[in-house]
PDB file of N, CA and C in Angstrom:
ATOM      1  N   UNK A   1       1.724  -4.612  11.300  1.00  0.00           N
ATOM      2  CA  UNK A   1       0.927  -5.956  11.399  1.00  0.00           C
ATOM      3  C   UNK A   1      -0.560  -5.851  10.209  1.00  0.00           C
ATOM      4  N   UNK A   2      -0.953  -6.634  10.084  1.00  0.00           N
ATOM      5  CA  UNK A   2      -1.837  -7.140   9.301  1.00  0.00           C
ATOM      6  C   UNK A   2      -2.946  -7.208   9.198  1.00  0.00           C
ATOM      7  N   UNK A   3      -3.986  -6.578   8.681  1.00  0.00           N
ATOM      8  CA  UNK A   3      -5.558  -6.577   8.426  1.00  0.00           C
ATOM      9  C   UNK A   3      -5.780  -7.350   7.664  1.00  0.00           C
ATOM     10  N   UNK A   4      -6.141  -8.654   7.510  1.00  0.00           N
ATOM     11  CA  UNK A   4      -6.867  -9.310   6.583  1.00  0.00           C
ATOM     12  C   UNK A   4      -7.854  -9.199   6.118  1.00  0.00           C
ATOM     13  N   UNK A   5      -9.135  -8.913   7.061  1.00  0.00           N
ATOM     14  CA  UNK A   5     -10.113  -8.632   6.411  1.00  0.00           C
ATOM     15  C   UNK A   5     -10.000  -7.316   5.474  1.00  0.00           C
ATOM     16  N   UNK A   6      -8.853  -6.224   6.086  1.00  0.00           N
ATOM     17  CA  UNK A   6      -8.892  -4.827   4.621  1.00  0.00           C
ATOM     18  C   UNK A   6      -8.335  -5.580   3.812  1.00  0.00           C
ATOM     19  N   UNK A   7      -7.086  -6.883   3.683  1.00  0.00           N
ATOM     20  CA  UNK A   7      -7.053  -7.593   2.439  1.00  0.00           C
ATOM     21  C   UNK A   7      -7.817  -7.844   1.394  1.00  0.00           C
ATOM     22  N   UNK A   8      -8.759  -8.283   2.091  1.00  0.00           N
ATOM     23  CA  UNK A   8      -9.980  -9.400   0.920  1.00  0.00           C
ATOM     24  C   UNK A   8     -10.895  -8.242   1.047  1.00  0.00           C
ATOM     25  N   UNK A   9     -11.430  -7.301   1.490  1.00  0.00           N
ATOM     26  CA  UNK A   9     -12.185  -6.198   1.558  1.00  0.00           C
ATOM     27  C   UNK A   9     -12.252  -5.692  -0.429  1.00  0.00           C
ATOM     28  N   UNK A  10     -10.904  -5.428  -0.687  1.00  0.00           N
ATOM     29  CA  UNK A  10     -10.588  -5.312  -2.041  1.00  0.00           C
ATOM     30  C   UNK A  10     -11.351  -6.389  -3.159  1.00  0.00           C
ATOM     31  N   UNK A  11     -11.740  -7.735  -2.806  1.00  0.00           N
ATOM     32  CA  UNK A  11     -12.178  -8.524  -3.741  1.00  0.00           C
ATOM     33  C   UNK A  11     -13.110  -9.482  -3.828  1.00  0.00           C
ATOM     34  N   UNK A  12     -13.507  -8.529  -2.356  1.00  0.00           N
ATOM     35  CA  UNK A  12     -15.007  -9.118  -2.148  1.00  0.00           C
ATOM     36  C   UNK A  12     -15.867  -8.174  -2.949  1.00  0.00           C
ATOM     37  N   UNK A  13     -17.404  -9.320  -2.294  1.00  0.00           N
ATOM     38  CA  UNK A  13     -18.693  -8.171  -3.202  1.00  0.00           C
ATOM     39  C   UNK A  13     -19.452  -7.282  -2.259  1.00  0.00           C
ATOM     40  N   UNK A  14     -19.685  -6.077  -2.629  1.00  0.00           N
ATOM     41  CA  UNK A  14     -20.108  -4.769  -1.268  1.00  0.00           C
ATOM     42  C   UNK A  14     -21.040  -4.984  -0.667  1.00  0.00           C
ATOM     43  N   UNK A  15     -21.715  -5.769  -1.696  1.00  0.00           N
ATOM     44  CA  UNK A  15     -23.464  -6.537  -1.422  1.00  0.00           C
ATOM     45  C   UNK A  15     -23.169  -7.836  -0.219  1.00  0.00           C
ATOM     46  N   UNK A  16     -22.426  -8.159  -0.243  1.00  0.00           N
ATOM     47  CA  UNK A  16     -22.724  -9.441   1.090  1.00  0.00           C
ATOM     48  C   UNK A  16     -21.555  -9.164   2.372  1.00  0.00           C
ATOM     49  N   UNK A  17     -21.909  -9.489   2.913  1.00  0.00           N
ATOM     50  CA  UNK A  17     -20.918  -9.830   4.225  1.00  0.00           C
ATOM     51  C   UNK A  17     -19.499 -10.570   4.192  1.00  0.00           C
ATOM     52  N   UNK A  18     -18.721  -9.850   4.693  1.00  0.00           N
ATOM     53  CA  UNK A  18     -17.802 -11.084   4.265  1.00  0.00           C
ATOM     54  C   UNK A  18     -17.193 -11.612   5.426  1.00  0.00           C
ATOM     55  N   UNK A  19     -17.080 -13.348   5.205  1.00  0.00           N
ATOM     56  CA  UNK A  19     -16.639 -14.065   6.424  1.00  0.00           C
ATOM     57  C   UNK A  19     -15.500 -14.591   5.925  1.00  0.00           C
ATOM     58  N   UNK A  20     -14.499 -13.953   7.172  1.00  0.00           N
ATOM     59  CA  UNK A  20     -13.002 -14.963   6.641  1.00  0.00           C
ATOM     60  C   UNK A  20     -12.787 -15.915   7.689  1.00  0.00           C
ATOM     61  N   UNK A  21     -12.238 -16.860   7.445  1.00  0.00           N
ATOM     62  CA  UNK A  21     -11.929 -18.107   7.934  1.00  0.00           C
ATOM     63  C   UNK A  21     -10.660 -18.193   7.978  1.00  0.00           C
ATOM     64  N   UNK A  22     -10.010 -19.086   8.930  1.00  0.00           N
ATOM     65  CA  UNK A  22      -8.732 -19.245   8.741  1.00  0.00           C
ATOM     66  C   UNK A  22      -8.386 -20.900   9.130  1.00  0.00           C
ATOM     67  N   UNK A  23      -7.124 -21.130   9.509  1.00  0.00           N
ATOM     68  CA  UNK A  23      -6.950 -22.528   9.437  1.00  0.00           C
ATOM     69  C   UNK A  23      -5.691 -23.078  10.353  1.00  0.00           C
ATOM     70  N   UNK A  24      -5.052 -23.850  10.839  1.00  0.00           N
ATOM     71  CA  UNK A  24      -3.713 -24.130  10.823  1.00  0.00           C
ATOM     72  C   UNK A  24      -3.068 -25.006  10.141  1.00  0.00           C
ATOM     73  N   UNK A  25      -2.564 -24.825   8.889  1.00  0.00           N
ATOM     74  CA  UNK A  25      -2.516 -26.222   8.391  1.00  0.00           C
ATOM     75  C   UNK A  25      -1.154 -26.906   8.433  1.00  0.00           C
ATOM     76  N   UNK A  26      -0.902 -28.138   8.425  1.00  0.00           N
ATOM     77  CA  UNK A  26       0.468 -28.861   8.486  1.00  0.00           C
ATOM     78  C   UNK A  26       1.065 -29.321   7.106  1.00  0.00           C
ATOM     79  N   UNK A  27       2.404 -28.806   6.900  1.00  0.00           N
ATOM     80  CA  UNK A  27       2.848 -29.471   5.554  1.00  0.00           C
ATOM     81  C   UNK A  27       4.641 -29.823   6.058  1.00  0.00           C
ATOM     82  N   UNK A  28       4.256 -31.166   6.669  1.00  0.00           N
ATOM     83  CA  UNK A  28       5.590 -31.687   6.980  1.00  0.00           C
ATOM     84  C   UNK A  28       6.133 -30.933   8.276  1.00  0.00           C
ATOM     85  N   UNK A  29       7.192 -30.672   8.679  1.00  0.00           N
ATOM     86  CA  UNK A  29       7.483 -29.739   9.937  1.00  0.00           C
ATOM     87  C   UNK A  29       7.261 -28.609   9.967  1.00  0.00           C
ATOM     88  N   UNK A  30       6.497 -28.025   8.598  1.00  0.00           N
ATOM     89  CA  UNK A  30       6.489 -26.846   8.791  1.00  0.00           C
ATOM     90  C   UNK A  30       4.803 -26.550   9.229  1.00  0.00           C
ATOM     91  N   UNK A  31       4.111 -25.456   9.531  1.00  0.00           N
ATOM     92  CA  UNK A  31       2.612 -24.770   9.980  1.00  0.00           C
ATOM     93  C   UNK A  31       3.106 -23.650   9.390  1.00  0.00           C
ATOM     94  N   UNK A  32       1.253 -23.906   8.556  1.00  0.00           N
ATOM     95  CA  UNK A  32       1.284 -22.410   7.973  1.00  0.00           C
ATOM     96  C   UNK A  32      -0.195 -21.995   8.858  1.00  0.00           C
ATOM     97  N   UNK A  33      -0.787 -20.578   9.206  1.00  0.00           N
ATOM     98  CA  UNK A  33      -1.698 -19.916   8.965  1.00  0.00           C
ATOM     99  C   UNK A  33      -2.253 -18.931   8.580  1.00  0.00           C
ATOM    100  N   UNK A  34      -3.533 -19.974   8.061  1.00  0.00           N
ATOM    101  CA  UNK A  34      -4.203 -19.465   6.223  1.00  0.00           C
ATOM    102  C   UNK A  34      -5.729 -18.776   6.760  1.00  0.00           C
ATOM    103  N   UNK A  35      -5.853 -17.654   6.222  1.00  0.00           N
ATOM    104  CA  UNK A  35      -6.949 -17.044   5.850  1.00  0.00           C
ATOM    105  C   UNK A  35      -7.440 -17.201   4.255  1.00  0.00           C
ATOM    106  N   UNK A  36      -8.664 -16.730   4.466  1.00  0.00           N
ATOM    107  CA  UNK A  36      -9.550 -17.190   2.821  1.00  0.00           C
ATOM    108  C   UNK A  36     -10.946 -16.498   3.452  1.00  0.00           C
ATOM    109  N   UNK A  37     -11.666 -16.193   2.076  1.00  0.00           N
ATOM    110  CA  UNK A  37     -13.207 -16.786   2.283  1.00  0.00           C
ATOM    111  C   UNK A  37     -13.695 -17.023   0.501  1.00  0.00           C
ATOM    112  N   UNK A  38     -14.334 -17.012   0.663  1.00  0.00           N
ATOM    113  CA  UNK A  38     -15.038 -17.724  -0.451  1.00  0.00           C
ATOM    114  C   UNK A  38     -16.818 -16.627  -0.959  1.00  0.00           C
ATOM    115  N   UNK A  39     -17.264 -16.527  -2.114  1.00  0.00           N
ATOM    116  CA  UNK A  39     -18.168 -15.989  -2.561  1.00  0.00           C
ATOM    117  C   UNK A  39     -18.790 -16.500  -3.505  1.00  0.00           C
ATOM    118  N   UNK A  40     -20.212 -16.901  -3.582  1.00  0.00           N
ATOM    119  CA  UNK A  40     -20.235 -18.167  -4.641  1.00  0.00           C
ATOM    120  C   UNK A  40     -20.824 -17.573  -6.171  1.00  0.00           C
ATOM    121  N   UNK A  41     -21.120 -15.776  -5.844  1.00  0.00           N
ATOM    122  CA  UNK A  41     -21.171 -15.030  -6.794  1.00  0.00           C
ATOM    123  C   UNK A  41     -19.997 -14.016  -7.794  1.00  0.00           C
ATOM    124  N   UNK A  42     -18.553 -14.698  -7.027  1.00  0.00           N
ATOM    125  CA  UNK A  42     -17.199 -14.607  -7.779  1.00  0.00           C
ATOM    126  C   UNK A  42     -16.958 -15.186  -9.104  1.00  0.00           C
ATOM    127  N   UNK A  43     -16.162 -15.064  -9.518  1.00  0.00           N
ATOM    128  CA  UNK A  43     -15.700 -16.088 -10.519  1.00  0.00           C
ATOM    129  C   UNK A  43     -14.137 -16.443 -10.129  1.00  0.00           C
ATOM    130  N   UNK A  44     -14.189 -17.913  -9.961  1.00  0.00           N
ATOM    131  CA  UNK A  44     -13.457 -18.564  -9.527  1.00  0.00           C
ATOM    132  C   UNK A  44     -11.923 -18.490 -10.236  1.00  0.00           C
ATOM    133  N   UNK A  45     -10.964 -18.471  -9.484  1.00  0.00           N
ATOM    134  CA  UNK A  45     -10.064 -17.898  -9.106  1.00  0.00           C
ATOM    135  C   UNK A  45      -8.934 -18.786  -9.428  1.00  0.00           C
ATOM    136  N   UNK A  46      -8.325 -18.790 -10.737  1.00  0.00           N
ATOM    137  CA  UNK A  46      -7.660 -19.405 -11.700  1.00  0.00           C
ATOM    138  C   UNK A  46      -6.123 -19.820 -11.043  1.00  0.00           C
ATOM    139  N   UNK A  47      -5.724 -18.641 -10.500  1.00  0.00           N
ATOM    140  CA  UNK A  47      -4.090 -19.280  -9.735  1.00  0.00           C
ATOM    141  C   UNK A  47      -4.444 -19.909  -8.842  1.00  0.00           C
ATOM    142  N   UNK A  48      -5.523 -20.257  -7.830  1.00  0.00           N
ATOM    143  CA  UNK A  48      -5.745 -21.381  -7.007  1.00  0.00           C
ATOM    144  C   UNK A  48      -6.317 -22.718  -7.748  1.00  0.00           C
ATOM    145  N   UNK A  49      -7.031 -22.681  -8.994  1.00  0.00           N
ATOM    146  CA  UNK A  49      -7.237 -23.674  -9.648  1.00  0.00           C
ATOM    147  C   UNK A  49      -6.056 -24.805 -10.028  1.00  0.00           C
ATOM    148  N   UNK A  50      -4.624 -23.372 -10.643  1.00  0.00           N
ATOM    149  CA  UNK A  50      -3.650 -24.213 -10.814  1.00  0.00           C
ATOM    150  C   UNK A  50      -2.702 -24.731 -10.086  1.00  0.00           C
ATOM    151  N   UNK A  51      -2.756 -24.201  -8.458  1.00  0.00           N
ATOM    152  CA  UNK A  51      -2.515 -25.061  -7.527  1.00  0.00           C
ATOM    153  C   UNK A  51      -2.575 -26.575  -6.996  1.00  0.00           C
ATOM    154  N   UNK A  52      -4.525 -26.046  -7.161  1.00  0.00           N
ATOM    155  CA  UNK A  52      -5.217 -27.478  -7.150  1.00  0.00           C
ATOM    156  C   UNK A  52      -5.930 -27.767  -8.406  1.00  0.00           C
ATOM    157  N   UNK A  53      -5.786 -28.194  -9.397  1.00  0.00           N
ATOM    158  CA  UNK A  53      -6.773 -28.858 -10.428  1.00  0.00           C
ATOM    159  C   UNK A  53      -7.988 -29.006 -10.089  1.00  0.00           C
ATOM    160  N   UNK A  54      -8.957 -28.707 -10.722  1.00  0.00           N
ATOM    161  CA  UNK A  54     -10.431 -29.205  -9.971  1.00  0.00           C
ATOM    162  C   UNK A  54     -11.183 -28.766  -9.065  1.00  0.00           C
ATOM    163  N   UNK A  55     -10.272 -27.939  -7.830  1.00  0.00           N
ATOM    164  CA  UNK A  55     -11.014 -27.502  -7.473  1.00  0.00           C
ATOM    165  C   UNK A  55     -11.477 -25.674  -8.029  1.00  0.00           C
ATOM    166  N   UNK A  56     -12.626 -25.369  -7.315  1.00  0.00           N
ATOM    167  CA  UNK A  56     -13.596 -24.134  -8.087  1.00  0.00           C
ATOM    168  C   UNK A  56     -13.063 -23.475  -6.813  1.00  0.00           C
ATOM    169  N   UNK A  57     -12.645 -22.196  -6.266  1.00  0.00           N
ATOM    170  CA  UNK A  57     -12.367 -21.421  -5.127  1.00  0.00           C
ATOM    171  C   UNK A  57     -13.080 -19.959  -5.570  1.00  0.00           C
ATOM    172  N   UNK A  58     -13.616 -19.253  -5.067  1.00  0.00           N
ATOM    173  CA  UNK A  58     -14.221 -18.234  -5.516  1.00  0.00           C
ATOM    174  C   UNK A  58     -14.329 -17.132  -4.403  1.00  0.00           C
ATOM    175  N   UNK A  59     -12.444 -17.030  -4.505  1.00  0.00           N
ATOM    176  CA  UNK A  59     -12.250 -16.282  -3.171  1.00  0.00           C
ATOM    177  C   UNK A  59     -10.777 -15.811  -3.316  1.00  0.00           C
ATOM    178  N   UNK A  60     -10.487 -15.475  -2.009  1.00  0.00           N
ATOM    179  CA  UNK A  60      -9.206 -15.683  -2.264  1.00  0.00           C
ATOM    180  C   UNK A  60      -8.520 -16.311  -0.561  1.00  0.00           C
ATOM    181  N   UNK A  61      -7.268 -16.571  -1.108  1.00  0.00           N
ATOM    182  CA  UNK A  61      -5.994 -17.255   0.266  1.00  0.00           C
ATOM    183  C   UNK A  61      -5.327 -16.568   0.563  1.00  0.00           C
ATOM    184  N   UNK A  62      -4.906 -16.607   1.550  1.00  0.00           N
ATOM    185  CA  UNK A  62      -3.071 -15.957   2.542  1.00  0.00           C
ATOM    186  C   UNK A  62      -2.854 -16.574   2.757  1.00  0.00           C
ATOM    187  N   UNK A  63      -2.150 -16.912   2.888  1.00  0.00           N
ATOM    188  CA  UNK A  63      -1.010 -17.419   4.220  1.00  0.00           C
ATOM    189  C   UNK A  63      -0.108 -17.209   4.661  1.00  0.00           C
ATOM    190  N   UNK A  64       0.563 -17.646   6.258  1.00  0.00           N
ATOM    191  CA  UNK A  64       1.535 -16.722   6.483  1.00  0.00           C
ATOM    192  C   UNK A  64       2.332 -18.323   7.088  1.00  0.00           C
ATOM    193  N   UNK A  65       3.592 -18.559   7.301  1.00  0.00           N
ATOM    194  CA  UNK A  65       4.289 -19.274   7.778  1.00  0.00           C
ATOM    195  C   UNK A  65       4.409 -18.826   9.255  1.00  0.00           C
ATOM    196  N   UNK A  66       4.364 -20.378  10.182  1.00  0.00           N
ATOM    197  CA  UNK A  66       4.041 -19.916  11.351  1.00  0.00           C
ATOM    198  C   UNK A  66       5.843 -20.939  11.711  1.00  0.00           C
ATOM    199  N   UNK A  67       6.216 -19.708  12.373  1.00  0.00           N
ATOM    200  CA  UNK A  67       7.546 -20.232  12.404  1.00  0.00           C
ATOM    201  C   UNK A  67       7.971 -20.298  14.421  1.00  0.00           C
ATOM    202  N   UNK A  68       9.503 -21.152  14.697  1.00  0.00           N
ATOM    203  CA  UNK A  68       9.180 -21.427  15.693  1.00  0.00           C
ATOM    204  C   UNK A  68       8.621 -20.553  16.829  1.00  0.00           C
ATOM    205  N   UNK A  69       9.172 -19.569  16.584  1.00  0.00           N
ATOM    206  CA  UNK A  69       8.668 -18.569  17.584  1.00  0.00           C
ATOM    207  C   UNK A  69       7.739 -17.747  17.176  1.00  0.00           C
ATOM    208  N   UNK A  70       6.664 -18.720  17.020  1.00  0.00           N
ATOM    209  CA  UNK A  70       5.485 -18.125  16.477  1.00  0.00           C
ATOM    210  C   UNK A  70       5.328 -16.835  16.426  1.00  0.00           C
ATOM    211  N   UNK A  71       6.170 -15.918  15.067  1.00  0.00           N
ATOM    212  CA  UNK A  71       6.390 -15.371  14.721  1.00  0.00           C
ATOM    213  C   UNK A  71       5.362 -15.141  13.294  1.00  0.00           C
ATOM    214  N   UNK A  72       4.718 -14.625  12.722  1.00  0.00           N
ATOM    215  CA  UNK A  72       4.531 -14.793  11.501  1.00  0.00           C
ATOM    216  C   UNK A  72       4.960 -14.035  10.380  1.00  0.00           C
ATOM    217  N   UNK A  73       5.683 -14.575   9.254  1.00  0.00           N
ATOM    218  CA  UNK A  73       6.033 -14.181   8.457  1.00  0.00           C
ATOM    219  C   UNK A  73       4.977 -14.029   6.578  1.00  0.00           C
ATOM    220  N   UNK A  74       5.030 -13.661   6.025  1.00  0.00           N
ATOM    221  CA  UNK A  74       4.411 -13.302   4.969  1.00  0.00           C
ATOM    222  C   UNK A  74       5.226 -14.514   3.581  1.00  0.00           C
ATOM    223  N   UNK A  75       5.095 -15.522   3.103  1.00  0.00           N
ATOM    224  CA  UNK A  75       5.576 -16.175   2.047  1.00  0.00           C
ATOM    225  C   UNK A  75       5.466 -15.306   1.132  1.00  0.00           C
ATOM    226  N   UNK A  76       6.161 -14.486   0.750  1.00  0.00           N
ATOM    227  CA  UNK A  76       6.317 -13.779  -0.628  1.00  0.00           C
ATOM    228  C   UNK A  76       6.895 -14.129  -1.763  1.00  0.00           C
ATOM    229  N   UNK A  77       8.233 -14.418  -1.192  1.00  0.00           N
ATOM    230  CA  UNK A  77       9.232 -14.239  -2.329  1.00  0.00           C
ATOM    231  C   UNK A  77       9.537 -15.203  -3.268  1.00  0.00           C
ATOM    232  N   UNK A  78       9.476 -15.409  -4.714  1.00  0.00           N
ATOM    233  CA  UNK A  78       9.088 -16.954  -4.700  1.00  0.00           C
ATOM    234  C   UNK A  78      10.514 -17.767  -4.947  1.00  0.00           C
ATOM    235  N   UNK A  79      10.162 -19.231  -4.509  1.00  0.00           N
ATOM    236  CA  UNK A  79      11.668 -20.121  -4.532  1.00  0.00           C
ATOM    237  C   UNK A  79      11.201 -21.261  -4.167  1.00  0.00           C
ATOM    238  N   UNK A  80      12.008 -22.069  -4.939  1.00  0.00           N
ATOM    239  CA  UNK A  80      10.853 -23.830  -5.237  1.00  0.00           C
ATOM    240  C   UNK A  80      10.633 -24.380  -3.743  1.00  0.00           C
ATOM    241  N   UNK A  81      11.515 -24.785  -2.079  1.00  0.00           N
ATOM    242  CA  UNK A  81      10.743 -25.327  -1.740  1.00  0.00           C
ATOM    243  C   UNK A  81       9.872 -24.103  -0.905  1.00  0.00           C
ATOM    244  N   UNK A  82       9.958 -22.615  -1.330  1.00  0.00           N
ATOM    245  CA  UNK A  82       9.259 -21.887  -0.479  1.00  0.00           C
ATOM    246  C   UNK A  82       7.735 -22.272  -1.582  1.00  0.00           C
ATOM    247  N   UNK A  83       7.474 -22.051  -2.616  1.00  0.00           N
ATOM    248  CA  UNK A  83       6.832 -22.313  -3.238  1.00  0.00           C
ATOM    249  C   UNK A  83       5.719 -23.468  -3.104  1.00  0.00           C
ATOM    250  N   UNK A  84       6.892 -24.705  -3.405  1.00  0.00           N
ATOM    251  CA  UNK A  84       6.226 -26.052  -2.882  1.00  0.00           C
ATOM    252  C   UNK A  84       5.311 -26.044  -1.641  1.00  0.00           C
ATOM    253  N   UNK A  85       5.765 -25.279  -0.527  1.00  0.00           N
ATOM    254  CA  UNK A  85       4.967 -25.624   0.801  1.00  0.00           C
ATOM    255  C   UNK A  85       4.120 -25.079   0.403  1.00  0.00           C
ATOM    256  N   UNK A  86       4.235 -23.890   0.246  1.00  0.00           N
ATOM    257  CA  UNK A  86       2.887 -22.922  -0.153  1.00  0.00           C
ATOM    258  C   UNK A  86       1.567 -23.371  -0.587  1.00  0.00           C
ATOM    259  N   UNK A  87       2.333 -24.006  -2.219  1.00  0.00           N
ATOM    260  CA  UNK A  87       0.907 -24.774  -2.465  1.00  0.00           C
ATOM    261  C   UNK A  87       0.371 -26.075  -1.888  1.00  0.00           C
ATOM    262  N   UNK A  88       1.561 -26.311  -1.416  1.00  0.00           N
ATOM    263  CA  UNK A  88       0.381 -28.071  -0.593  1.00  0.00           C
ATOM    264  C   UNK A  88      -0.182 -27.258   0.164  1.00  0.00           C
ATOM    265  N   UNK A  89       0.259 -26.594   1.113  1.00  0.00           N
ATOM    266  CA  UNK A  89      -0.746 -25.693   2.036  1.00  0.00           C
ATOM    267  C   UNK A  89      -1.808 -25.355   1.346  1.00  0.00           C
ATOM    268  N   UNK A  90      -1.924 -24.501   0.300  1.00  0.00           N
ATOM    269  CA  UNK A  90      -3.051 -24.112  -0.232  1.00  0.00           C
ATOM    270  C   UNK A  90      -3.904 -25.731  -0.666  1.00  0.00           C
ATOM    271  N   UNK A  91      -3.313 -26.463  -1.117  1.00  0.00           N
ATOM    272  CA  UNK A  91      -4.141 -27.863  -1.227  1.00  0.00           C
ATOM    273  C   UNK A  91      -5.003 -28.045  -0.482  1.00  0.00           C
ATOM    274  N   UNK A  92      -4.586 -28.668   1.093  1.00  0.00           N
ATOM    275  CA  UNK A  92      -4.653 -28.665   2.141  1.00  0.00           C
ATOM    276  C   UNK A  92      -5.936 -28.073   2.839  1.00  0.00           C
ATOM    277  N   UNK A  93      -5.763 -26.763   1.966  1.00  0.00           N
ATOM    278  CA  UNK A  93      -6.487 -25.738   2.837  1.00  0.00           C
ATOM    279  C   UNK A  93      -7.915 -25.724   2.057  1.00  0.00           C
ATOM    280  N   UNK A  94      -7.812 -25.543   0.569  1.00  0.00           N
ATOM    281  CA  UNK A  94      -9.175 -25.204  -0.190  1.00  0.00           C
ATOM    282  C   UNK A  94      -9.473 -26.852  -0.762  1.00  0.00           C
TER     283      UNK A  94
END
């Protein structure tokens, strides 16, 4: 079991409450469960800016592929199709 709140807590500012939001994003026939948080005082996330140029996201995003059995699997391994799907899901969410 993954605690998204605990995962994000290390990146968040201690003096502000952490508000994690989530959404389901569709990319073709794939569905992703996306969690994220943003705090205005944080530096812009450079990796997310590479994925979605022009976007200033001040926080973190994590996404999970929703499989047909409704199981969640983290997309961690780099692969061209997986990377494309991950990046498109982030572009739709951010």
